[in-house]
Amino acid sequence: MNPEAERLRDYMFDVSEEAWCAGWMTDLEYDLWSAVVAGPHEYGRLRITSEEVNELRKLAETCGGWIVFDDAAGETWVPLAEWKERYRAKRAENF
C-alpha cells in the first residue's frame, strides 16, 4: 500500500475508533463511502461532519482508490472505479 493509501486507511481507522471504539467496524468502507456520496450523517456515537467527508474524498482522490477489508488480506487498497462498482453492487443487494 502506498503512503497516500495508508493515510486514507489510517483516517478510516480513526473514524471507526471514534464512532465505535473498534479499529475497523464491519462495513466501515461502505458506511464511510455513503457519507462521501450523501454527506454528513450519524455513525455510531459520531456525527460525520462536512470536514470529515471532504477529508475522506480528498484522501480517496489523492490515492486513486478506497480501502476495503478483505478477510484474508486485511485492509486492502482497491482502485476507485472498482470500489464504486462494489459499492453499487452492495447497495443493490440491500434494496
Protein backbone atom coordinates (compact mmCIF):
# COMPACT_ATOMS: atom_id res chain seq x y z
CA MET A 1 0.00 0.00 0.00
CA ASN A 2 1.45 3.37 -0.96
CA PRO A 3 1.75 6.23 1.58
CA GLU A 4 -1.35 8.04 0.28
CA ALA A 5 -3.46 4.89 0.65
CA GLU A 6 -2.01 4.36 4.13
CA ARG A 7 -3.16 7.86 5.11
CA LEU A 8 -6.69 7.02 3.93
CA ARG A 9 -6.61 3.70 5.80
CA ASP A 10 -5.43 5.40 8.98
CA TYR A 11 -8.11 8.10 8.70
CA MET A 12 -10.83 5.48 8.20
CA PHE A 13 -9.46 3.54 11.18
CA ASP A 14 -9.57 6.70 13.32
CA VAL A 15 -13.20 7.41 12.38
CA SER A 16 -14.13 3.82 13.24
CA GLU A 17 -12.36 4.11 16.61
CA GLU A 18 -14.11 7.38 17.42
CA ALA A 19 -17.54 6.12 16.36
CA TRP A 20 -17.45 2.57 17.70
CA CYS A 21 -14.23 2.03 19.72
CA ALA A 22 -13.38 -0.54 17.07
CA GLY A 23 -10.45 -0.30 14.70
CA TRP A 24 -12.37 -1.48 11.65
CA MET A 25 -16.11 -1.78 12.17
CA THR A 26 -17.96 -4.21 9.91
CA ASP A 27 -18.83 -2.49 6.60
CA LEU A 28 -16.84 0.61 7.57
CA GLU A 29 -15.81 1.12 3.96
CA TYR A 30 -19.45 1.19 2.83
CA ASP A 31 -20.66 3.41 5.67
CA LEU A 32 -17.92 5.97 5.12
CA TRP A 33 -18.40 5.98 1.34
CA SER A 34 -22.09 6.59 1.97
CA ALA A 35 -21.04 9.79 3.73
CA VAL A 36 -18.84 10.71 0.77
CA VAL A 37 -21.81 10.22 -1.57
CA ALA A 38 -24.66 11.56 0.58
CA GLY A 39 -22.98 13.91 3.02
CA PRO A 40 -22.77 14.16 6.79
CA HIS A 41 -24.76 11.72 8.91
CA GLU A 42 -24.80 9.86 12.21
CA TYR A 43 -22.37 6.98 12.52
CA GLY A 44 -22.19 5.19 15.84
CA ARG A 45 -21.61 7.75 18.56
CA LEU A 46 -20.22 10.20 16.00
CA ARG A 47 -21.72 12.64 13.55
CA ILE A 48 -19.61 12.56 10.41
CA THR A 49 -19.12 16.23 9.54
CA SER A 50 -18.67 18.02 6.24
CA GLU A 51 -14.99 18.43 7.08
CA GLU A 52 -14.59 14.68 7.57
CA VAL A 53 -16.49 13.97 4.35
CA ASN A 54 -14.21 16.38 2.48
CA GLU A 55 -11.13 14.75 4.00
CA LEU A 56 -12.30 11.26 3.01
CA ARG A 57 -13.00 12.47 -0.53
CA LYS A 58 -9.63 14.22 -0.78
CA LEU A 59 -7.73 11.19 0.53
CA ALA A 60 -9.56 8.87 -1.88
CA GLU A 61 -8.82 11.13 -4.83
CA THR A 62 -5.18 11.51 -3.81
CA CYS A 63 -4.56 7.77 -3.62
CA GLY A 64 -6.91 6.97 -6.52
CA GLY A 65 -8.79 4.34 -4.55
CA TRP A 66 -10.55 3.24 -1.41
CA ILE A 67 -9.66 0.88 1.41
CA VAL A 68 -11.72 -2.27 1.94
CA PHE A 69 -11.43 -5.05 4.48
CA ASP A 70 -10.61 -8.43 3.00
CA ASP A 71 -10.90 -11.43 5.33
CA ALA A 72 -7.68 -12.94 4.00
CA ALA A 73 -5.56 -9.82 3.43
CA GLY A 74 -6.95 -7.31 5.94
CA GLU A 75 -7.17 -3.66 4.88
CA THR A 76 -6.65 -3.54 1.12
CA TRP A 77 -6.48 -0.70 -1.41
CA VAL A 78 -8.70 -1.03 -4.48
CA PRO A 79 -8.85 1.36 -7.46
CA LEU A 80 -11.63 3.92 -7.23
CA ALA A 81 -13.51 2.61 -10.30
CA GLU A 82 -13.54 -0.92 -8.84
CA TRP A 83 -14.62 0.41 -5.46
CA LYS A 84 -17.53 2.37 -6.95
CA GLU A 85 -18.75 -0.79 -8.69
CA ARG A 86 -18.51 -2.77 -5.43
CA TYR A 87 -20.43 -0.03 -3.66
CA ARG A 88 -23.17 -0.01 -6.33
CA ALA A 89 -23.48 -3.81 -6.10
CA LYS A 90 -23.71 -3.75 -2.29
CA ARG A 91 -26.39 -1.04 -2.38
CA ALA A 92 -28.35 -3.05 -4.95
CA GLU A 93 -28.21 -6.11 -2.64
CA ASN A 94 -29.66 -4.13 0.23
CA PHE A 95 -32.73 -2.90 -1.67
